[in-house]
Amino acid sequence: MAAVAGYDGKVAVGTSDVAQVRNWNADIQREEVDTTHMNDGAGGWRSFISGLGAGTGSMDLNWDMTDTNGQKVLQDAVLNPPAMPPTVKLYVDGTHYYSGSIIVTNVSPSVGVDGLAEATVNFRFTGAVSYT
């Protein structure tokens, strides 16, 4: 597989790109369900099946609340949660992305005298996560 340059990545909320994204990450998991039982013929080894899926993620931004269809939507989702969770697309490159509805769990703005105003947005996927 060829290496993919990170500068082609982006984040979209609904159909709008989020401004000033520096990086994003996602942790998509699948629980394991222990099916081990006595005298199962496995010679003392545990056995498992796939259980429930879940995922979390975050993104680091150069803070810009003039981005009313991106950053502000994410901030508003934690300050005043909408009835319908926002859907995000986390683009790896121009055409490939992970997608799902999210609950924004926290927004952490940060301002230092020697740098840009920044924010970290943390979220949890609610429902299925897909890859296109």
Protein backbone atom coordinates (compact mmCIF):
# COMPACT_ATOMS: atom_id res chain seq x y z
CA MET A 1 0.00 0.00 0.00
CA ALA A 2 1.28 3.43 -0.89
CA ALA A 3 1.92 6.04 1.77
CA VAL A 4 -0.72 8.76 2.05
CA ALA A 5 0.23 12.37 2.76
CA GLY A 6 -1.68 13.78 5.72
CA TYR A 7 -2.07 17.23 4.19
CA ASP A 8 -4.84 15.90 1.92
CA GLY A 9 -6.98 15.00 4.94
CA LYS A 10 -9.87 17.06 6.24
CA VAL A 11 -12.97 16.90 8.45
CA ALA A 12 -16.53 17.64 7.35
CA VAL A 13 -19.61 18.14 9.53
CA GLY A 14 -22.62 17.28 7.41
CA THR A 15 -21.69 18.73 4.02
CA SER A 16 -19.46 21.54 5.34
CA ASP A 17 -15.70 21.32 5.80
CA VAL A 18 -14.41 22.23 9.26
CA ALA A 19 -11.95 25.13 9.02
CA GLN A 20 -8.40 25.09 10.35
CA VAL A 21 -8.12 21.37 11.24
CA ARG A 22 -4.52 20.51 12.11
CA ASN A 23 -5.06 16.80 12.77
CA TRP A 24 -7.69 14.25 13.65
CA ASN A 25 -7.71 10.73 15.05
CA ALA A 26 -10.25 7.99 15.55
CA ASP A 27 -10.19 4.87 17.71
CA ILE A 28 -12.73 2.36 16.42
CA GLN A 29 -13.14 -0.74 18.59
CA ARG A 30 -15.02 -4.01 18.74
CA GLU A 31 -15.72 -5.69 22.10
CA GLU A 32 -14.98 -9.35 22.54
CA VAL A 33 -17.48 -11.74 24.11
CA ASP A 34 -15.95 -14.68 25.97
CA THR A 35 -17.58 -17.96 24.86
CA THR A 36 -15.24 -20.24 26.83
CA HIS A 37 -16.89 -23.08 28.72
CA MET A 38 -15.75 -26.12 30.66
CA ASN A 39 -14.68 -29.20 28.75
CA ASP A 40 -14.97 -27.44 25.39
CA GLY A 41 -12.19 -29.45 23.77
CA ALA A 42 -10.04 -26.35 23.29
CA GLY A 43 -7.29 -27.63 25.58
CA GLY A 44 -7.45 -24.80 28.09
CA TRP A 45 -7.70 -21.94 25.59
CA ARG A 46 -10.32 -19.22 25.75
CA SER A 47 -12.61 -18.62 22.80
CA PHE A 48 -14.34 -15.39 21.76
CA ILE A 49 -16.83 -13.90 19.32
CA SER A 50 -17.16 -10.31 18.19
CA GLY A 51 -19.37 -8.11 20.35
CA LEU A 52 -20.52 -4.53 20.19
CA GLY A 53 -18.65 -1.86 18.24
CA ALA A 54 -17.85 1.65 19.43
CA GLY A 55 -15.50 4.48 18.67
CA THR A 56 -14.05 7.73 19.89
CA GLY A 57 -12.00 10.44 18.28
CA SER A 58 -10.60 13.92 18.50
CA MET A 59 -9.42 16.75 16.33
CA ASP A 60 -7.08 19.67 16.96
CA LEU A 61 -8.02 23.00 15.41
CA ASN A 62 -6.78 26.54 15.05
CA TRP A 63 -9.74 28.15 16.85
CA ASP A 64 -12.13 29.94 14.46
CA MET A 65 -15.73 30.48 15.54
CA THR A 66 -16.42 32.40 12.32
CA ASP A 67 -16.61 28.88 10.84
CA THR A 68 -20.34 28.70 11.66
CA ASN A 69 -20.96 25.48 9.68
CA GLY A 70 -17.96 23.60 11.10
CA GLN A 71 -16.20 24.59 14.31
CA LYS A 72 -19.22 26.41 15.77
CA VAL A 73 -21.48 23.40 15.06
CA LEU A 74 -19.05 21.20 17.02
CA GLN A 75 -18.83 23.67 19.93
CA ASP A 76 -22.63 24.11 19.99
CA ALA A 77 -23.04 20.31 20.06
CA VAL A 78 -21.43 20.22 23.51
CA LEU A 79 -22.87 23.51 24.84
CA ASN A 80 -26.44 22.78 23.70
CA PRO A 81 -26.70 19.20 22.34
CA PRO A 82 -28.91 18.93 19.26
CA ALA A 83 -31.75 16.40 19.00
CA MET A 84 -29.97 14.84 16.01
CA PRO A 85 -26.24 14.26 16.54
CA PRO A 86 -24.01 15.74 13.84
CA THR A 87 -22.46 13.45 11.25
CA VAL A 88 -18.75 13.77 10.57
CA LYS A 89 -16.56 12.57 7.74
CA LEU A 90 -12.89 12.12 8.65
CA TYR A 91 -11.04 12.25 5.34
CA VAL A 92 -7.75 10.38 5.00
CA ASP A 93 -7.29 11.82 1.50
CA GLY A 94 -9.48 13.44 -1.14
CA THR A 95 -11.82 10.44 -1.54
CA HIS A 96 -11.46 8.04 1.43
CA TYR A 97 -13.07 8.75 4.79
CA TYR A 98 -14.55 7.34 7.98
CA SER A 99 -18.09 8.49 8.68
CA GLY A 100 -20.57 8.38 11.54
CA SER A 101 -22.82 10.35 13.85
CA ILE A 102 -21.08 11.75 16.91
CA ILE A 103 -21.74 13.10 20.36
CA VAL A 104 -19.25 15.85 21.16
CA THR A 105 -17.97 15.05 24.67
CA ASN A 106 -15.80 18.11 25.19
CA VAL A 107 -14.26 21.14 23.53
CA SER A 108 -11.01 22.38 25.05
CA PRO A 109 -9.94 25.86 23.87
CA SER A 110 -6.39 26.93 24.62
CA VAL A 111 -4.73 30.33 24.19
CA GLY A 112 -1.08 31.14 24.79
CA VAL A 113 0.76 34.40 24.45
CA ASP A 114 3.27 32.89 22.01
CA GLY A 115 0.95 30.96 19.71
CA LEU A 116 -2.41 30.66 18.03
CA ALA A 117 -5.74 30.21 19.78
CA GLU A 118 -6.43 26.48 19.50
CA ALA A 119 -9.10 23.97 20.45
CA THR A 120 -9.34 20.21 20.82
CA VAL A 121 -12.69 18.58 20.12
CA ASN A 122 -13.31 15.10 21.55
CA PHE A 123 -16.22 12.96 20.45
CA ARG A 124 -17.84 9.54 20.68
CA PHE A 125 -19.43 7.82 17.71
CA THR A 126 -23.07 6.89 18.24
CA GLY A 127 -24.19 4.09 15.95
CA ALA A 128 -22.27 2.51 13.11
CA VAL A 129 -18.99 3.82 11.71
CA SER A 130 -18.33 3.29 8.01
CA TYR A 131 -15.37 3.63 5.67
CA THR A 132 -15.74 4.81 2.08
